[in-house]
Amino acid sequence: MSDQPDPRPQRDVPVLFSLLGLVAAFAVGLWAGIHYMSNDASLFYGLIAGLSFGAAFAFAQQIKNRFIPPKVRKTDWKVQAPGAAELSSGRLAAQQARKISVEFDDQEIRTMVRGAKREGIAWSAIDDVTIRISDDSLPQPQWIIAGQTAEGIKGVLVPNDADGLEELMEAMKQRLPGYDNDKNYETVIAAMSAMEGGFRVWHRAAA
């Protein structure tokens, strides 16, 4: 038996067919249920009712999926810090007070602290994206997004728990050439299991 996937495309069931199937299955299930109650819990009618209501649920799911498609899970590029311990309420409050968020627009990426800009770098200046994990009691991955500018090396340091990081990861796939590939994702996976060290995720190819 071949393990190769079936190359033939799957055909969607017409909505009208699903609607007719839903009505028919529900009607049969209701009919069987009434007979089940009036015939001293007949096993035959109980089985018919169960199968019919199950079919009705399946048709209803098909109709729902046609109008509200199930969400497709995006590749999770965000690193989960290994071995992270629960913070005390005091440390958590202090952390939130200085919590860094990250924002971006068509021109630049910038980190913010309580509404004030902390660091920034233009998209066009970005040459390197690296994950750094420091060796301390609470390893916290940090994304270093840097590049060479006329003023020297410039960049932003984005903690892995920064608000807006997931949106930035999606934007980098679109804006940084060659960022969204298997090799880069494997580097992120390796960083997930690390307790310390640096992991280069992306580097701009020489022109």
C-alpha atoms as a PDB file:
ATOM      1  CA  MET A   1       0.000   0.000   0.000  1.00  0.00           C
ATOM      2  CA  SER A   2       1.418   3.397  -0.977  1.00  0.00           C
ATOM      3  CA  ASP A   3       1.978   6.063   1.688  1.00  0.00           C
ATOM      4  CA  GLN A   4       1.881   8.856  -0.916  1.00  0.00           C
ATOM      5  CA  PRO A   5      -0.939  11.394  -0.429  1.00  0.00           C
ATOM      6  CA  ASP A   6      -3.816  11.316  -2.861  1.00  0.00           C
ATOM      7  CA  PRO A   7      -2.934  13.913  -5.553  1.00  0.00           C
ATOM      8  CA  ARG A   8      -6.592  14.441  -6.434  1.00  0.00           C
ATOM      9  CA  PRO A   9      -7.978  17.716  -4.968  1.00  0.00           C
ATOM     10  CA  GLN A  10     -10.686  17.406  -2.359  1.00  0.00           C
ATOM     11  CA  ARG A  11     -14.126  18.539  -3.518  1.00  0.00           C
ATOM     12  CA  ASP A  12     -16.218  20.754  -1.311  1.00  0.00           C
ATOM     13  CA  VAL A  13     -19.713  19.484  -0.531  1.00  0.00           C
ATOM     14  CA  PRO A  14     -22.312  21.942  -1.953  1.00  0.00           C
ATOM     15  CA  VAL A  15     -24.034  23.977   0.753  1.00  0.00           C
ATOM     16  CA  LEU A  16     -27.462  23.034  -0.625  1.00  0.00           C
ATOM     17  CA  PHE A  17     -26.642  19.338  -0.249  1.00  0.00           C
ATOM     18  CA  SER A  18     -25.465  19.933   3.325  1.00  0.00           C
ATOM     19  CA  LEU A  19     -28.664  21.843   4.134  1.00  0.00           C
ATOM     20  CA  LEU A  20     -30.843  19.066   2.701  1.00  0.00           C
ATOM     21  CA  GLY A  21     -28.811  16.476   4.578  1.00  0.00           C
ATOM     22  CA  LEU A  22     -29.166  18.437   7.823  1.00  0.00           C
ATOM     23  CA  VAL A  23     -32.949  18.709   7.463  1.00  0.00           C
ATOM     24  CA  ALA A  24     -33.354  15.061   6.469  1.00  0.00           C
ATOM     25  CA  ALA A  25     -31.094  13.744   9.243  1.00  0.00           C
ATOM     26  CA  PHE A  26     -32.807  15.894  11.868  1.00  0.00           C
ATOM     27  CA  ALA A  27     -36.269  14.805  10.659  1.00  0.00           C
ATOM     28  CA  VAL A  28     -35.338  11.118  10.763  1.00  0.00           C
ATOM     29  CA  GLY A  29     -33.748  11.553  14.170  1.00  0.00           C
ATOM     30  CA  LEU A  30     -36.859  13.286  15.507  1.00  0.00           C
ATOM     31  CA  TRP A  31     -39.130  10.580  14.024  1.00  0.00           C
ATOM     32  CA  ALA A  32     -36.978   7.795  15.503  1.00  0.00           C
ATOM     33  CA  GLY A  33     -36.808   9.570  18.844  1.00  0.00           C
ATOM     34  CA  ILE A  34     -40.594   9.818  19.078  1.00  0.00           C
ATOM     35  CA  HIS A  35     -40.948   6.115  18.254  1.00  0.00           C
ATOM     36  CA  TYR A  36     -38.199   5.292  20.736  1.00  0.00           C
ATOM     37  CA  MET A  37     -40.146   7.026  23.530  1.00  0.00           C
ATOM     38  CA  SER A  38     -43.461   5.427  22.549  1.00  0.00           C
ATOM     39  CA  ASN A  39     -42.169   1.862  22.051  1.00  0.00           C
ATOM     40  CA  ASP A  40     -40.672   1.158  25.481  1.00  0.00           C
ATOM     41  CA  ALA A  41     -37.167   2.339  24.594  1.00  0.00           C
ATOM     42  CA  SER A  42     -36.824   0.163  21.484  1.00  0.00           C
ATOM     43  CA  LEU A  43     -33.130  -0.454  20.700  1.00  0.00           C
ATOM     44  CA  PHE A  44     -33.807  -0.215  16.950  1.00  0.00           C
ATOM     45  CA  TYR A  45     -35.353   3.259  17.132  1.00  0.00           C
ATOM     46  CA  GLY A  46     -32.722   4.399  19.627  1.00  0.00           C
ATOM     47  CA  LEU A  47     -29.926   3.387  17.245  1.00  0.00           C
ATOM     48  CA  ILE A  48     -31.606   5.150  14.311  1.00  0.00           C
ATOM     49  CA  ALA A  49     -32.081   8.306  16.385  1.00  0.00           C
ATOM     50  CA  GLY A  50     -28.456   8.320  17.514  1.00  0.00           C
ATOM     51  CA  LEU A  51     -27.081   7.853  13.998  1.00  0.00           C
ATOM     52  CA  SER A  52     -29.425  10.489  12.565  1.00  0.00           C
ATOM     53  CA  PHE A  53     -28.569  13.170  15.114  1.00  0.00           C
ATOM     54  CA  GLY A  54     -24.875  12.384  14.616  1.00  0.00           C
ATOM     55  CA  ALA A  55     -25.281  12.870  10.873  1.00  0.00           C
ATOM     56  CA  ALA A  56     -27.183  16.126  11.492  1.00  0.00           C
ATOM     57  CA  PHE A  57     -24.276  17.412  13.601  1.00  0.00           C
ATOM     58  CA  ALA A  58     -21.797  16.511  10.827  1.00  0.00           C
ATOM     59  CA  PHE A  59     -23.867  18.363   8.206  1.00  0.00           C
ATOM     60  CA  ALA A  60     -24.133  21.369  10.543  1.00  0.00           C
ATOM     61  CA  GLN A  61     -20.336  21.423  10.928  1.00  0.00           C
ATOM     62  CA  GLN A  62     -19.915  21.352   7.134  1.00  0.00           C
ATOM     63  CA  ILE A  63     -22.255  24.328   6.784  1.00  0.00           C
ATOM     64  CA  LYS A  64     -20.486  26.237   9.550  1.00  0.00           C
ATOM     65  CA  ASN A  65     -17.051  25.614   8.003  1.00  0.00           C
ATOM     66  CA  ARG A  66     -18.245  26.941   4.643  1.00  0.00           C
ATOM     67  CA  PHE A  67     -19.362  30.260   6.125  1.00  0.00           C
ATOM     68  CA  ILE A  68     -16.853  30.476   9.010  1.00  0.00           C
ATOM     69  CA  PRO A  69     -13.659  28.682   7.892  1.00  0.00           C
ATOM     70  CA  PRO A  70     -11.581  27.255  10.762  1.00  0.00           C
ATOM     71  CA  LYS A  71      -8.570  29.357  11.657  1.00  0.00           C
ATOM     72  CA  VAL A  72      -5.263  28.227  10.206  1.00  0.00           C
ATOM     73  CA  ARG A  73      -2.542  28.066  12.806  1.00  0.00           C
ATOM     74  CA  LYS A  74       0.382  30.258  11.941  1.00  0.00           C
ATOM     75  CA  THR A  75       3.940  29.125  12.422  1.00  0.00           C
ATOM     76  CA  ASP A  76       4.953  30.135  15.903  1.00  0.00           C
ATOM     77  CA  TRP A  77       8.297  31.916  15.643  1.00  0.00           C
ATOM     78  CA  LYS A  78       8.113  33.225  19.172  1.00  0.00           C
ATOM     79  CA  VAL A  79      10.533  31.572  21.578  1.00  0.00           C
ATOM     80  CA  GLN A  80       9.210  30.228  24.872  1.00  0.00           C
ATOM     81  CA  ALA A  81      11.727  30.819  27.639  1.00  0.00           C
ATOM     82  CA  PRO A  82      12.954  27.480  29.049  1.00  0.00           C
ATOM     83  CA  GLY A  83      12.792  26.961  32.793  1.00  0.00           C
ATOM     84  CA  ALA A  84      10.999  30.214  33.521  1.00  0.00           C
ATOM     85  CA  ALA A  85       9.852  30.334  37.149  1.00  0.00           C
ATOM     86  CA  GLU A  86       6.780  32.022  38.571  1.00  0.00           C
ATOM     87  CA  LEU A  87       7.506  35.575  39.634  1.00  0.00           C
ATOM     88  CA  SER A  88       6.469  36.908  42.997  1.00  0.00           C
ATOM     89  CA  SER A  89       3.719  39.526  42.945  1.00  0.00           C
ATOM     90  CA  GLY A  90       6.236  42.246  43.820  1.00  0.00           C
ATOM     91  CA  ARG A  91       8.647  41.297  41.047  1.00  0.00           C
ATOM     92  CA  LEU A  92       5.788  40.930  38.591  1.00  0.00           C
ATOM     93  CA  ALA A  93       4.510  44.436  39.413  1.00  0.00           C
ATOM     94  CA  ALA A  94       8.011  45.878  39.015  1.00  0.00           C
ATOM     95  CA  GLN A  95       8.447  44.057  35.719  1.00  0.00           C
ATOM     96  CA  GLN A  96       5.149  45.367  34.365  1.00  0.00           C
ATOM     97  CA  ALA A  97       6.102  48.933  35.362  1.00  0.00           C
ATOM     98  CA  ARG A  98       9.142  48.827  33.068  1.00  0.00           C
ATOM     99  CA  LYS A  99       7.712  46.403  30.506  1.00  0.00           C
ATOM    100  CA  ILE A 100       8.937  46.960  26.982  1.00  0.00           C
ATOM    101  CA  SER A 101       6.596  46.823  24.001  1.00  0.00           C
ATOM    102  CA  VAL A 102       7.544  46.871  20.338  1.00  0.00           C
ATOM    103  CA  GLU A 103       5.879  48.801  17.525  1.00  0.00           C
ATOM    104  CA  PHE A 104       6.591  49.221  13.831  1.00  0.00           C
ATOM    105  CA  ASP A 105       5.386  51.040  10.744  1.00  0.00           C
ATOM    106  CA  ASP A 106       6.562  51.221   7.129  1.00  0.00           C
ATOM    107  CA  GLN A 107       9.732  53.074   8.116  1.00  0.00           C
ATOM    108  CA  GLU A 108      11.058  51.603  11.351  1.00  0.00           C
ATOM    109  CA  ILE A 109      10.854  49.255  14.311  1.00  0.00           C
ATOM    110  CA  ARG A 110      10.875  50.858  17.752  1.00  0.00           C
ATOM    111  CA  THR A 111      10.696  49.716  21.351  1.00  0.00           C
ATOM    112  CA  MET A 112       8.523  51.606  23.827  1.00  0.00           C
ATOM    113  CA  VAL A 113       8.402  51.921  27.611  1.00  0.00           C
ATOM    114  CA  ARG A 114       5.175  53.375  29.035  1.00  0.00           C
ATOM    115  CA  GLY A 115       4.451  55.206  25.779  1.00  0.00           C
ATOM    116  CA  ALA A 116       7.926  56.680  25.312  1.00  0.00           C
ATOM    117  CA  LYS A 117      10.288  55.601  22.533  1.00  0.00           C
ATOM    118  CA  ARG A 118      13.328  53.705  23.806  1.00  0.00           C
ATOM    119  CA  GLU A 119      15.167  52.534  20.677  1.00  0.00           C
ATOM    120  CA  GLY A 120      14.522  52.413  16.961  1.00  0.00           C
ATOM    121  CA  ILE A 121      15.972  51.132  13.692  1.00  0.00           C
ATOM    122  CA  ALA A 122      14.853  51.607  10.078  1.00  0.00           C
ATOM    123  CA  TRP A 123      13.748  48.501   8.178  1.00  0.00           C
ATOM    124  CA  SER A 124      16.248  49.331   5.436  1.00  0.00           C
ATOM    125  CA  ALA A 125      19.119  49.354   7.947  1.00  0.00           C
ATOM    126  CA  ILE A 126      18.475  45.901   9.427  1.00  0.00           C
ATOM    127  CA  ASP A 127      21.269  43.431   8.626  1.00  0.00           C
ATOM    128  CA  ASP A 128      20.985  40.873  11.401  1.00  0.00           C
ATOM    129  CA  VAL A 129      18.420  39.201  13.691  1.00  0.00           C
ATOM    130  CA  THR A 130      19.806  37.215  16.620  1.00  0.00           C
ATOM    131  CA  ILE A 131      18.288  35.584  19.705  1.00  0.00           C
ATOM    132  CA  ARG A 132      20.377  35.985  22.854  1.00  0.00           C
ATOM    133  CA  ILE A 133      19.686  34.049  26.033  1.00  0.00           C
ATOM    134  CA  SER A 134      21.567  35.210  29.111  1.00  0.00           C
ATOM    135  CA  ASP A 135      22.806  32.799  31.770  1.00  0.00           C
ATOM    136  CA  ASP A 136      20.916  33.818  34.885  1.00  0.00           C
ATOM    137  CA  SER A 137      18.336  32.427  37.314  1.00  0.00           C
ATOM    138  CA  LEU A 138      15.502  33.259  34.902  1.00  0.00           C
ATOM    139  CA  PRO A 139      16.702  32.796  31.301  1.00  0.00           C
ATOM    140  CA  GLN A 140      14.887  35.279  29.090  1.00  0.00           C
ATOM    141  CA  PRO A 141      15.343  35.224  25.302  1.00  0.00           C
ATOM    142  CA  GLN A 142      15.924  38.622  23.761  1.00  0.00           C
ATOM    143  CA  TRP A 143      15.642  39.416  20.068  1.00  0.00           C
ATOM    144  CA  ILE A 144      18.476  41.644  18.840  1.00  0.00           C
ATOM    145  CA  ILE A 145      17.524  43.389  15.591  1.00  0.00           C
ATOM    146  CA  ALA A 146      20.516  45.374  14.388  1.00  0.00           C
ATOM    147  CA  GLY A 147      22.326  46.870  11.415  1.00  0.00           C
ATOM    148  CA  GLN A 148      25.058  49.227  10.282  1.00  0.00           C
ATOM    149  CA  THR A 149      23.992  52.832   9.778  1.00  0.00           C
ATOM    150  CA  ALA A 150      25.821  56.076   9.026  1.00  0.00           C
ATOM    151  CA  GLU A 151      25.950  56.633  12.781  1.00  0.00           C
ATOM    152  CA  GLY A 152      27.454  53.190  13.456  1.00  0.00           C
ATOM    153  CA  ILE A 153      25.876  49.951  14.577  1.00  0.00           C
ATOM    154  CA  LYS A 154      22.297  50.517  15.633  1.00  0.00           C
ATOM    155  CA  GLY A 155      19.449  48.277  16.745  1.00  0.00           C
ATOM    156  CA  VAL A 156      16.685  47.363  19.124  1.00  0.00           C
ATOM    157  CA  LEU A 157      16.621  44.827  21.948  1.00  0.00           C
ATOM    158  CA  VAL A 158      13.214  43.155  22.222  1.00  0.00           C
ATOM    159  CA  PRO A 159      12.441  40.863  25.202  1.00  0.00           C
ATOM    160  CA  ASN A 160      10.594  37.689  24.276  1.00  0.00           C
ATOM    161  CA  ASP A 161       7.588  38.744  26.385  1.00  0.00           C
ATOM    162  CA  ALA A 162       7.279  42.183  24.757  1.00  0.00           C
ATOM    163  CA  ASP A 163       3.809  43.195  23.628  1.00  0.00           C
ATOM    164  CA  GLY A 164       3.664  43.323  19.836  1.00  0.00           C
ATOM    165  CA  LEU A 165       6.429  40.762  19.223  1.00  0.00           C
ATOM    166  CA  GLU A 166       4.179  38.250  17.451  1.00  0.00           C
ATOM    167  CA  GLU A 167       2.985  40.925  15.018  1.00  0.00           C
ATOM    168  CA  LEU A 168       6.601  41.959  14.419  1.00  0.00           C
ATOM    169  CA  MET A 169       7.572  38.341  13.649  1.00  0.00           C
ATOM    170  CA  GLU A 170       4.899  38.214  10.947  1.00  0.00           C
ATOM    171  CA  ALA A 171       6.070  41.562   9.522  1.00  0.00           C
ATOM    172  CA  MET A 172       9.701  40.391   9.359  1.00  0.00           C
ATOM    173  CA  LYS A 173       8.638  37.404   7.248  1.00  0.00           C
ATOM    174  CA  GLN A 174       7.311  39.867   4.687  1.00  0.00           C
ATOM    175  CA  ARG A 175       9.933  42.606   4.909  1.00  0.00           C
ATOM    176  CA  LEU A 176      13.246  40.775   5.408  1.00  0.00           C
ATOM    177  CA  PRO A 177      14.222  38.798   2.274  1.00  0.00           C
ATOM    178  CA  GLY A 178      14.760  35.108   3.001  1.00  0.00           C
ATOM    179  CA  TYR A 179      13.631  35.353   6.620  1.00  0.00           C
ATOM    180  CA  ASP A 180      10.729  32.917   6.389  1.00  0.00           C
ATOM    181  CA  ASN A 181      12.486  29.625   5.608  1.00  0.00           C
ATOM    182  CA  ASP A 182      13.053  26.252   7.252  1.00  0.00           C
ATOM    183  CA  LYS A 183      16.656  26.928   8.288  1.00  0.00           C
ATOM    184  CA  ASN A 184      15.721  30.069  10.186  1.00  0.00           C
ATOM    185  CA  TYR A 185      12.819  28.314  11.882  1.00  0.00           C
ATOM    186  CA  GLU A 186      15.121  25.453  12.942  1.00  0.00           C
ATOM    187  CA  THR A 187      17.387  28.042  14.569  1.00  0.00           C
ATOM    188  CA  VAL A 188      14.417  29.351  16.553  1.00  0.00           C
ATOM    189  CA  ILE A 189      13.569  25.777  17.631  1.00  0.00           C
ATOM    190  CA  ALA A 190      17.149  25.313  18.841  1.00  0.00           C
ATOM    191  CA  ALA A 191      16.903  28.519  20.857  1.00  0.00           C
ATOM    192  CA  MET A 192      13.724  27.228  22.517  1.00  0.00           C
ATOM    193  CA  SER A 193      15.636  24.437  24.238  1.00  0.00           C
ATOM    194  CA  ALA A 194      18.678  26.497  25.187  1.00  0.00           C
ATOM    195  CA  MET A 195      19.478  27.966  28.582  1.00  0.00           C
ATOM    196  CA  GLU A 196      22.085  30.414  27.301  1.00  0.00           C
ATOM    197  CA  GLY A 197      23.922  31.513  24.190  1.00  0.00           C
ATOM    198  CA  GLY A 198      23.376  33.403  20.965  1.00  0.00           C
ATOM    199  CA  PHE A 199      21.487  32.145  17.904  1.00  0.00           C
ATOM    200  CA  ARG A 200      21.615  34.011  14.596  1.00  0.00           C
ATOM    201  CA  VAL A 201      18.187  33.725  12.999  1.00  0.00           C
ATOM    202  CA  TRP A 202      18.740  35.875   9.911  1.00  0.00           C
ATOM    203  CA  HIS A 203      21.471  37.857   8.178  1.00  0.00           C
ATOM    204  CA  ARG A 204      21.084  40.012   5.086  1.00  0.00           C
ATOM    205  CA  ALA A 205      22.861  38.517   2.101  1.00  0.00           C
ATOM    206  CA  ALA A 206      25.590  40.636   0.559  1.00  0.00           C
ATOM    207  CA  ALA A 207      24.455  42.614  -2.466  1.00  0.00           C
END
